[in-house]
Amino acid sequence: MFRGVSHLSLDEKGRMSFPSRYRDRLMELCGGDLVITVDPEHCLLVYPLPAWEEIQQKLQRLPSFNPATRNLQRLLIGYATDVQMDANGRVLLPQPLREFAYLERKVVLAGQGNKFELWDEERWTKNSEVWLAEAPQNLESVAELADLTL
């Protein structure tokens, strides 16, 4: 399980180093084989390869005649890129993915259980303020969250 927020920097080549607390787990889970794709909110999703393969199978089972699911398939599967973590725990983020997520130098890696989200730091900060402001209403209005106690 991946959790926590890390503020990181991309190097001049567009490489990101995973925090050391994740490296051993990623090597254990997938030998450093990762898949990076886009999220409609303009961040990147970073999956260990086995977790991504499950997601891709689910996406491919969705009805492709439904325009909404077809668009989601186009984005998530179309942008999906295999990357390999090097011996120093770094991955090269392909330019098209960096452009999609507006990634420059400062980024935020947020653990989300089976995957990570990778955000431009400024976008993360702005969105976090909105998410925090909306949290009380979401807890009240989303049925699945009604019994959640924090």
N, C-alpha and C. Protein backbone atom coordinates (compact mmCIF):
# COMPACT_ATOMS: atom_id res chain seq x y z
N MET A 1 0.83 -1.18 0.00
CA MET A 1 0.00 0.00 0.00
C MET A 1 0.88 1.25 0.00
N PHE A 2 0.53 2.16 -0.86
CA PHE A 2 1.27 3.41 -0.97
C PHE A 2 0.43 4.53 -0.37
N ARG A 3 1.01 5.27 0.53
CA ARG A 3 0.31 6.39 1.13
C ARG A 3 1.32 7.47 1.49
N GLY A 4 0.79 8.66 1.64
CA GLY A 4 1.63 9.79 1.99
C GLY A 4 1.90 10.69 0.80
N VAL A 5 2.29 11.92 1.10
CA VAL A 5 2.58 12.94 0.09
C VAL A 5 4.06 13.28 0.16
N SER A 6 4.70 13.30 -1.00
CA SER A 6 6.11 13.66 -1.09
C SER A 6 6.27 14.79 -2.09
N HIS A 7 6.99 15.82 -1.69
CA HIS A 7 7.33 16.92 -2.59
C HIS A 7 8.68 16.61 -3.19
N LEU A 8 8.73 16.54 -4.53
CA LEU A 8 9.92 16.11 -5.25
C LEU A 8 10.26 17.11 -6.35
N SER A 9 11.42 16.88 -6.96
CA SER A 9 11.84 17.69 -8.10
C SER A 9 12.17 16.78 -9.26
N LEU A 10 11.83 17.23 -10.46
CA LEU A 10 12.27 16.55 -11.67
C LEU A 10 13.63 17.10 -12.04
N ASP A 11 14.51 16.23 -12.55
CA ASP A 11 15.80 16.73 -13.01
C ASP A 11 15.65 17.29 -14.42
N GLU A 12 16.74 17.78 -14.99
CA GLU A 12 16.71 18.43 -16.31
C GLU A 12 16.29 17.49 -17.43
N LYS A 13 16.40 16.18 -17.22
CA LYS A 13 15.98 15.21 -18.24
C LYS A 13 14.53 14.76 -18.06
N GLY A 14 13.88 15.23 -17.00
CA GLY A 14 12.51 14.80 -16.73
C GLY A 14 12.42 13.53 -15.91
N ARG A 15 13.47 13.24 -15.14
CA ARG A 15 13.46 12.05 -14.29
C ARG A 15 13.00 12.42 -12.88
N MET A 16 12.32 11.48 -12.27
CA MET A 16 11.86 11.63 -10.90
C MET A 16 12.41 10.47 -10.08
N SER A 17 12.89 10.78 -8.88
CA SER A 17 13.35 9.74 -7.96
C SER A 17 12.25 9.41 -6.97
N PHE A 18 11.90 8.14 -6.88
CA PHE A 18 10.94 7.72 -5.88
C PHE A 18 11.56 7.84 -4.50
N PRO A 19 10.80 8.29 -3.53
CA PRO A 19 11.31 8.31 -2.15
C PRO A 19 11.74 6.91 -1.74
N SER A 20 12.79 6.84 -0.93
CA SER A 20 13.35 5.54 -0.56
C SER A 20 12.34 4.63 0.12
N ARG A 21 11.35 5.20 0.82
CA ARG A 21 10.38 4.37 1.53
C ARG A 21 9.52 3.53 0.58
N TYR A 22 9.48 3.88 -0.71
CA TYR A 22 8.68 3.13 -1.68
C TYR A 22 9.52 2.17 -2.54
N ARG A 23 10.78 2.40 -2.62
CA ARG A 23 11.62 1.67 -3.60
C ARG A 23 11.61 0.17 -3.39
N ASP A 24 11.85 -0.27 -2.16
CA ASP A 24 11.90 -1.72 -1.91
C ASP A 24 10.56 -2.37 -2.23
N ARG A 25 9.48 -1.72 -1.84
CA ARG A 25 8.14 -2.27 -2.10
C ARG A 25 7.88 -2.36 -3.60
N LEU A 26 8.29 -1.34 -4.35
CA LEU A 26 8.10 -1.37 -5.80
C LEU A 26 8.94 -2.47 -6.44
N MET A 27 10.14 -2.67 -5.96
CA MET A 27 10.97 -3.74 -6.51
C MET A 27 10.35 -5.10 -6.18
N GLU A 28 9.82 -5.24 -4.99
CA GLU A 28 9.18 -6.49 -4.57
C GLU A 28 7.92 -6.77 -5.38
N LEU A 29 7.10 -5.75 -5.58
CA LEU A 29 5.83 -5.92 -6.29
C LEU A 29 5.99 -6.15 -7.78
N CYS A 30 6.93 -5.43 -8.40
CA CYS A 30 6.94 -5.44 -9.86
C CYS A 30 8.34 -5.37 -10.48
N GLY A 31 9.37 -5.53 -9.67
CA GLY A 31 10.72 -5.46 -10.21
C GLY A 31 11.05 -4.10 -10.80
N GLY A 32 10.34 -3.06 -10.34
CA GLY A 32 10.57 -1.71 -10.86
C GLY A 32 9.85 -1.41 -12.16
N ASP A 33 9.03 -2.36 -12.65
CA ASP A 33 8.26 -2.14 -13.88
C ASP A 33 6.97 -1.40 -13.53
N LEU A 34 6.82 -0.20 -14.08
CA LEU A 34 5.70 0.66 -13.77
C LEU A 34 4.98 1.07 -15.05
N VAL A 35 3.74 1.49 -14.89
CA VAL A 35 2.98 2.06 -16.00
C VAL A 35 2.50 3.43 -15.54
N ILE A 36 2.72 4.41 -16.39
CA ILE A 36 2.28 5.77 -16.11
C ILE A 36 1.26 6.15 -17.17
N THR A 37 0.15 6.70 -16.70
CA THR A 37 -0.88 7.16 -17.61
C THR A 37 -1.46 8.47 -17.09
N VAL A 38 -2.43 8.98 -17.80
CA VAL A 38 -3.01 10.28 -17.45
C VAL A 38 -4.30 10.11 -16.67
N ASP A 39 -4.65 11.15 -15.96
CA ASP A 39 -5.92 11.23 -15.25
C ASP A 39 -6.66 12.44 -15.81
N PRO A 40 -7.99 12.37 -15.96
CA PRO A 40 -8.72 13.51 -16.50
C PRO A 40 -8.54 14.82 -15.73
N GLU A 41 -8.07 14.75 -14.48
CA GLU A 41 -7.82 15.97 -13.70
C GLU A 41 -6.44 16.56 -13.98
N HIS A 42 -5.78 16.07 -14.99
CA HIS A 42 -4.46 16.56 -15.43
C HIS A 42 -3.36 16.30 -14.41
N CYS A 43 -3.39 15.11 -13.84
CA CYS A 43 -2.24 14.60 -13.10
C CYS A 43 -1.87 13.29 -13.78
N LEU A 44 -0.81 12.66 -13.32
CA LEU A 44 -0.42 11.35 -13.84
C LEU A 44 -0.72 10.29 -12.80
N LEU A 45 -1.06 9.11 -13.27
CA LEU A 45 -1.27 7.95 -12.42
C LEU A 45 -0.10 7.00 -12.65
N VAL A 46 0.52 6.56 -11.56
CA VAL A 46 1.69 5.68 -11.64
C VAL A 46 1.33 4.37 -10.95
N TYR A 47 1.33 3.30 -11.72
CA TYR A 47 0.94 1.98 -11.23
C TYR A 47 2.10 1.00 -11.30
N PRO A 48 2.26 0.13 -10.29
CA PRO A 48 3.10 -1.05 -10.48
C PRO A 48 2.45 -1.86 -11.62
N LEU A 49 3.25 -2.47 -12.47
CA LEU A 49 2.73 -3.16 -13.64
C LEU A 49 1.60 -4.14 -13.32
N PRO A 50 1.70 -5.02 -12.31
CA PRO A 50 0.59 -5.95 -12.06
C PRO A 50 -0.72 -5.23 -11.73
N ALA A 51 -0.67 -4.14 -10.98
CA ALA A 51 -1.89 -3.39 -10.65
C ALA A 51 -2.47 -2.76 -11.91
N TRP A 52 -1.60 -2.24 -12.79
CA TRP A 52 -2.09 -1.64 -14.03
C TRP A 52 -2.76 -2.68 -14.91
N GLU A 53 -2.18 -3.88 -15.00
CA GLU A 53 -2.76 -4.91 -15.86
C GLU A 53 -4.19 -5.23 -15.45
N GLU A 54 -4.46 -5.23 -14.15
CA GLU A 54 -5.84 -5.45 -13.68
C GLU A 54 -6.75 -4.30 -14.12
N ILE A 55 -6.28 -3.08 -13.98
CA ILE A 55 -7.06 -1.91 -14.38
C ILE A 55 -7.32 -1.94 -15.88
N GLN A 56 -6.30 -2.25 -16.66
CA GLN A 56 -6.47 -2.27 -18.12
C GLN A 56 -7.49 -3.33 -18.53
N GLN A 57 -7.45 -4.50 -17.90
CA GLN A 57 -8.44 -5.53 -18.21
C GLN A 57 -9.86 -5.04 -17.92
N LYS A 58 -10.04 -4.35 -16.79
CA LYS A 58 -11.35 -3.81 -16.45
C LYS A 58 -11.79 -2.76 -17.47
N LEU A 59 -10.87 -1.90 -17.86
CA LEU A 59 -11.18 -0.87 -18.85
C LEU A 59 -11.58 -1.49 -20.19
N GLN A 60 -10.87 -2.54 -20.59
CA GLN A 60 -11.14 -3.18 -21.87
C GLN A 60 -12.48 -3.93 -21.87
N ARG A 61 -12.96 -4.32 -20.69
CA ARG A 61 -14.26 -4.99 -20.60
C ARG A 61 -15.43 -4.02 -20.65
N LEU A 62 -15.17 -2.74 -20.48
CA LEU A 62 -16.25 -1.75 -20.55
C LEU A 62 -16.80 -1.69 -21.96
N PRO A 63 -18.08 -1.36 -22.12
CA PRO A 63 -18.68 -1.31 -23.46
C PRO A 63 -18.09 -0.16 -24.29
N SER A 64 -17.42 -0.52 -25.37
CA SER A 64 -16.75 0.49 -26.18
C SER A 64 -17.73 1.30 -27.03
N PHE A 65 -19.00 0.91 -27.06
CA PHE A 65 -20.00 1.69 -27.80
C PHE A 65 -20.55 2.85 -26.96
N ASN A 66 -20.25 2.85 -25.67
CA ASN A 66 -20.65 3.95 -24.80
C ASN A 66 -19.61 5.06 -24.95
N PRO A 67 -20.00 6.25 -25.39
CA PRO A 67 -19.02 7.33 -25.63
C PRO A 67 -18.20 7.69 -24.39
N ALA A 68 -18.80 7.69 -23.22
CA ALA A 68 -18.06 8.06 -22.01
C ALA A 68 -16.98 7.03 -21.69
N THR A 69 -17.32 5.74 -21.78
CA THR A 69 -16.31 4.72 -21.49
C THR A 69 -15.25 4.68 -22.58
N ARG A 70 -15.65 4.90 -23.81
CA ARG A 70 -14.68 4.91 -24.92
C ARG A 70 -13.67 6.04 -24.74
N ASN A 71 -14.16 7.20 -24.32
CA ASN A 71 -13.24 8.32 -24.09
C ASN A 71 -12.28 8.02 -22.95
N LEU A 72 -12.78 7.39 -21.89
CA LEU A 72 -11.91 7.02 -20.78
C LEU A 72 -10.86 6.00 -21.23
N GLN A 73 -11.28 5.02 -22.04
CA GLN A 73 -10.33 4.04 -22.58
C GLN A 73 -9.26 4.73 -23.42
N ARG A 74 -9.69 5.65 -24.25
CA ARG A 74 -8.73 6.37 -25.11
C ARG A 74 -7.67 7.07 -24.27
N LEU A 75 -8.12 7.75 -23.22
CA LEU A 75 -7.17 8.48 -22.38
C LEU A 75 -6.26 7.55 -21.60
N LEU A 76 -6.87 6.68 -20.80
CA LEU A 76 -6.08 5.87 -19.88
C LEU A 76 -5.20 4.84 -20.59
N ILE A 77 -5.76 4.12 -21.53
CA ILE A 77 -4.97 3.11 -22.24
C ILE A 77 -4.09 3.76 -23.30
N GLY A 78 -4.63 4.78 -23.96
CA GLY A 78 -3.87 5.45 -25.03
C GLY A 78 -2.59 6.10 -24.54
N TYR A 79 -2.64 6.70 -23.37
CA TYR A 79 -1.45 7.36 -22.82
C TYR A 79 -0.56 6.43 -22.00
N ALA A 80 -1.05 5.24 -21.67
CA ALA A 80 -0.30 4.33 -20.80
C ALA A 80 1.09 4.05 -21.38
N THR A 81 2.10 4.26 -20.54
CA THR A 81 3.49 4.12 -20.97
C THR A 81 4.24 3.27 -19.95
N ASP A 82 4.92 2.25 -20.43
CA ASP A 82 5.74 1.42 -19.55
C ASP A 82 7.05 2.13 -19.27
N VAL A 83 7.44 2.15 -17.99
CA VAL A 83 8.73 2.71 -17.59
C VAL A 83 9.39 1.75 -16.62
N GLN A 84 10.68 1.86 -16.51
CA GLN A 84 11.46 1.00 -15.63
C GLN A 84 12.20 1.87 -14.63
N MET A 85 12.04 1.55 -13.36
CA MET A 85 12.78 2.25 -12.32
C MET A 85 14.24 1.81 -12.39
N ASP A 86 15.17 2.77 -12.39
CA ASP A 86 16.58 2.40 -12.47
C ASP A 86 17.13 2.05 -11.09
N ALA A 87 18.41 1.72 -11.01
CA ALA A 87 19.03 1.28 -9.76
C ALA A 87 18.99 2.36 -8.68
N ASN A 88 18.83 3.62 -9.08
CA ASN A 88 18.76 4.73 -8.12
C ASN A 88 17.32 5.11 -7.78
N GLY A 89 16.35 4.30 -8.23
CA GLY A 89 14.96 4.57 -7.92
C GLY A 89 14.34 5.67 -8.76
N ARG A 90 14.94 5.95 -9.93
CA ARG A 90 14.43 7.02 -10.80
C ARG A 90 13.67 6.44 -11.98
N VAL A 91 12.70 7.22 -12.46
CA VAL A 91 12.01 6.91 -13.71
C VAL A 91 12.03 8.15 -14.58
N LEU A 92 12.13 7.92 -15.87
CA LEU A 92 12.05 9.00 -16.84
C LEU A 92 10.60 9.19 -17.22
N LEU A 93 10.08 10.38 -17.00
CA LEU A 93 8.69 10.69 -17.36
C LEU A 93 8.68 11.18 -18.80
N PRO A 94 8.02 10.47 -19.70
CA PRO A 94 8.00 10.88 -21.10
C PRO A 94 7.42 12.28 -21.27
N GLN A 95 7.97 13.00 -22.22
CA GLN A 95 7.57 14.39 -22.47
C GLN A 95 6.06 14.56 -22.66
N PRO A 96 5.38 13.72 -23.48
CA PRO A 96 3.93 13.92 -23.64
C PRO A 96 3.17 13.82 -22.32
N LEU A 97 3.60 12.96 -21.43
CA LEU A 97 2.95 12.84 -20.13
C LEU A 97 3.23 14.06 -19.26
N ARG A 98 4.48 14.53 -19.29
CA ARG A 98 4.81 15.74 -18.52
C ARG A 98 4.00 16.93 -19.01
N GLU A 99 3.84 17.03 -20.32
CA GLU A 99 3.06 18.14 -20.88
C GLU A 99 1.59 18.03 -20.48
N PHE A 100 1.03 16.84 -20.55
CA PHE A 100 -0.38 16.64 -20.19
C PHE A 100 -0.65 17.11 -18.76
N ALA A 101 0.26 16.79 -17.84
CA ALA A 101 0.06 17.10 -16.42
C ALA A 101 0.71 18.42 -16.02
N TYR A 102 1.20 19.17 -16.98
CA TYR A 102 1.84 20.47 -16.71
C TYR A 102 3.01 20.35 -15.74
N LEU A 103 3.75 19.26 -15.82
CA LEU A 103 4.85 19.06 -14.88
C LEU A 103 6.08 19.83 -15.34
N GLU A 104 6.59 20.62 -14.43
CA GLU A 104 7.80 21.39 -14.69
C GLU A 104 8.91 20.82 -13.81
N ARG A 105 9.25 21.53 -12.77
CA ARG A 105 10.35 21.11 -11.90
C ARG A 105 9.84 20.53 -10.58
N LYS A 106 8.94 21.24 -9.92
CA LYS A 106 8.43 20.83 -8.60
C LYS A 106 7.16 20.00 -8.77
N VAL A 107 7.16 18.80 -8.19
CA VAL A 107 6.03 17.89 -8.31
C VAL A 107 5.66 17.33 -6.94
N VAL A 108 4.46 16.77 -6.89
CA VAL A 108 3.98 16.11 -5.67
C VAL A 108 3.58 14.69 -6.04
N LEU A 109 4.12 13.73 -5.31
CA LEU A 109 3.78 12.33 -5.47
C LEU A 109 2.89 11.95 -4.29
N ALA A 110 1.65 11.55 -4.59
CA ALA A 110 0.69 11.21 -3.54
C ALA A 110 0.32 9.74 -3.63
N GLY A 111 0.63 8.98 -2.58
CA GLY A 111 0.26 7.58 -2.53
C GLY A 111 -1.25 7.44 -2.45
N GLN A 112 -1.80 6.51 -3.22
CA GLN A 112 -3.25 6.30 -3.28
C GLN A 112 -3.60 4.83 -3.12
N GLY A 113 -2.87 4.14 -2.27
CA GLY A 113 -3.14 2.71 -2.05
C GLY A 113 -2.38 1.86 -3.03
N ASN A 114 -3.02 1.50 -4.15
CA ASN A 114 -2.37 0.62 -5.14
C ASN A 114 -1.61 1.39 -6.21
N LYS A 115 -1.64 2.72 -6.14
CA LYS A 115 -1.00 3.55 -7.17
C LYS A 115 -0.57 4.87 -6.54
N PHE A 116 0.07 5.69 -7.38
CA PHE A 116 0.44 7.05 -7.00
C PHE A 116 -0.23 8.02 -7.96
N GLU A 117 -0.48 9.23 -7.48
CA GLU A 117 -0.81 10.35 -8.35
C GLU A 117 0.40 11.26 -8.35
N LEU A 118 0.71 11.80 -9.52
CA LEU A 118 1.84 12.72 -9.66
C LEU A 118 1.29 14.04 -10.19
N TRP A 119 1.48 15.10 -9.43
CA TRP A 119 0.90 16.41 -9.72
C TRP A 119 1.99 17.47 -9.84
N ASP A 120 1.71 18.47 -10.64
CA ASP A 120 2.47 19.70 -10.58
C ASP A 120 2.22 20.28 -9.18
N GLU A 121 3.26 20.74 -8.51
CA GLU A 121 3.13 21.18 -7.13
C GLU A 121 2.12 22.32 -6.96
N GLU A 122 2.14 23.28 -7.86
CA GLU A 122 1.21 24.40 -7.75
C GLU A 122 -0.24 23.95 -7.93
N ARG A 123 -0.48 23.07 -8.91
CA ARG A 123 -1.84 22.54 -9.12
C ARG A 123 -2.30 21.73 -7.92
N TRP A 124 -1.39 20.94 -7.35
CA TRP A 124 -1.71 20.15 -6.16
C TRP A 124 -2.15 21.07 -5.02
N THR A 125 -1.40 22.12 -4.78
CA THR A 125 -1.70 23.04 -3.69
C THR A 125 -3.06 23.70 -3.88
N LYS A 126 -3.33 24.18 -5.08
CA LYS A 126 -4.63 24.82 -5.36
C LYS A 126 -5.77 23.82 -5.21
N ASN A 127 -5.61 22.63 -5.77
CA ASN A 127 -6.66 21.62 -5.67
C ASN A 127 -6.87 21.16 -4.23
N SER A 128 -5.79 21.05 -3.47
CA SER A 128 -5.90 20.62 -2.07
C SER A 128 -6.79 21.56 -1.27
N GLU A 129 -6.66 22.84 -1.53
CA GLU A 129 -7.51 23.82 -0.84
C GLU A 129 -8.98 23.58 -1.16
N VAL A 130 -9.28 23.29 -2.42
CA VAL A 130 -10.66 23.01 -2.83
C VAL A 130 -11.13 21.72 -2.19
N TRP A 131 -10.33 20.68 -2.23
CA TRP A 131 -10.72 19.39 -1.66
C TRP A 131 -11.01 19.52 -0.17
N LEU A 132 -10.18 20.27 0.53
CA LEU A 132 -10.40 20.47 1.96
C LEU A 132 -11.70 21.23 2.22
N ALA A 133 -11.97 22.23 1.40
CA ALA A 133 -13.20 23.00 1.57
C ALA A 133 -14.44 22.15 1.28
N GLU A 134 -14.34 21.23 0.33
CA GLU A 134 -15.49 20.41 -0.06
C GLU A 134 -15.66 19.17 0.81
N ALA A 135 -14.66 18.81 1.59
CA ALA A 135 -14.70 17.55 2.34
C ALA A 135 -15.92 17.41 3.24
N PRO A 136 -16.30 18.41 4.04
CA PRO A 136 -17.48 18.22 4.90
C PRO A 136 -18.76 17.92 4.11
N GLN A 137 -18.97 18.63 3.01
CA GLN A 137 -20.17 18.39 2.20
C GLN A 137 -20.13 17.02 1.56
N ASN A 138 -18.94 16.59 1.12
CA ASN A 138 -18.82 15.28 0.49
C ASN A 138 -19.14 14.16 1.47
N LEU A 139 -18.72 14.31 2.71
CA LEU A 139 -19.00 13.28 3.71
C LEU A 139 -20.49 13.15 3.95
N GLU A 140 -21.22 14.25 3.82
CA GLU A 140 -22.66 14.23 4.05
C GLU A 140 -23.45 13.79 2.82
N SER A 141 -22.95 14.10 1.63
CA SER A 141 -23.76 13.89 0.43
C SER A 141 -23.46 12.60 -0.34
N VAL A 142 -22.36 11.96 -0.08
CA VAL A 142 -22.01 10.73 -0.80
C VAL A 142 -22.37 9.54 0.08
N ALA A 143 -23.32 8.75 -0.37
CA ALA A 143 -23.86 7.65 0.43
C ALA A 143 -22.77 6.70 0.94
N GLU A 144 -21.80 6.40 0.10
CA GLU A 144 -20.75 5.46 0.49
C GLU A 144 -19.88 6.00 1.63
N LEU A 145 -19.91 7.31 1.84
CA LEU A 145 -19.09 7.92 2.89
C LEU A 145 -19.88 8.15 4.18
N ALA A 146 -21.17 7.86 4.18
CA ALA A 146 -22.01 8.17 5.33
C ALA A 146 -21.54 7.53 6.62
N ASP A 147 -21.03 6.32 6.55
CA ASP A 147 -20.62 5.61 7.77
C ASP A 147 -19.13 5.75 8.06
N LEU A 148 -18.42 6.52 7.26
CA LEU A 148 -16.99 6.70 7.46
C LEU A 148 -16.74 7.62 8.64
N THR A 149 -15.94 7.15 9.58
CA THR A 149 -15.54 8.01 10.68
C THR A 149 -14.03 8.17 10.62
N LEU A 150 -13.61 9.38 10.84
CA LEU A 150 -12.18 9.67 10.76
C LEU A 150 -11.65 10.00 12.13
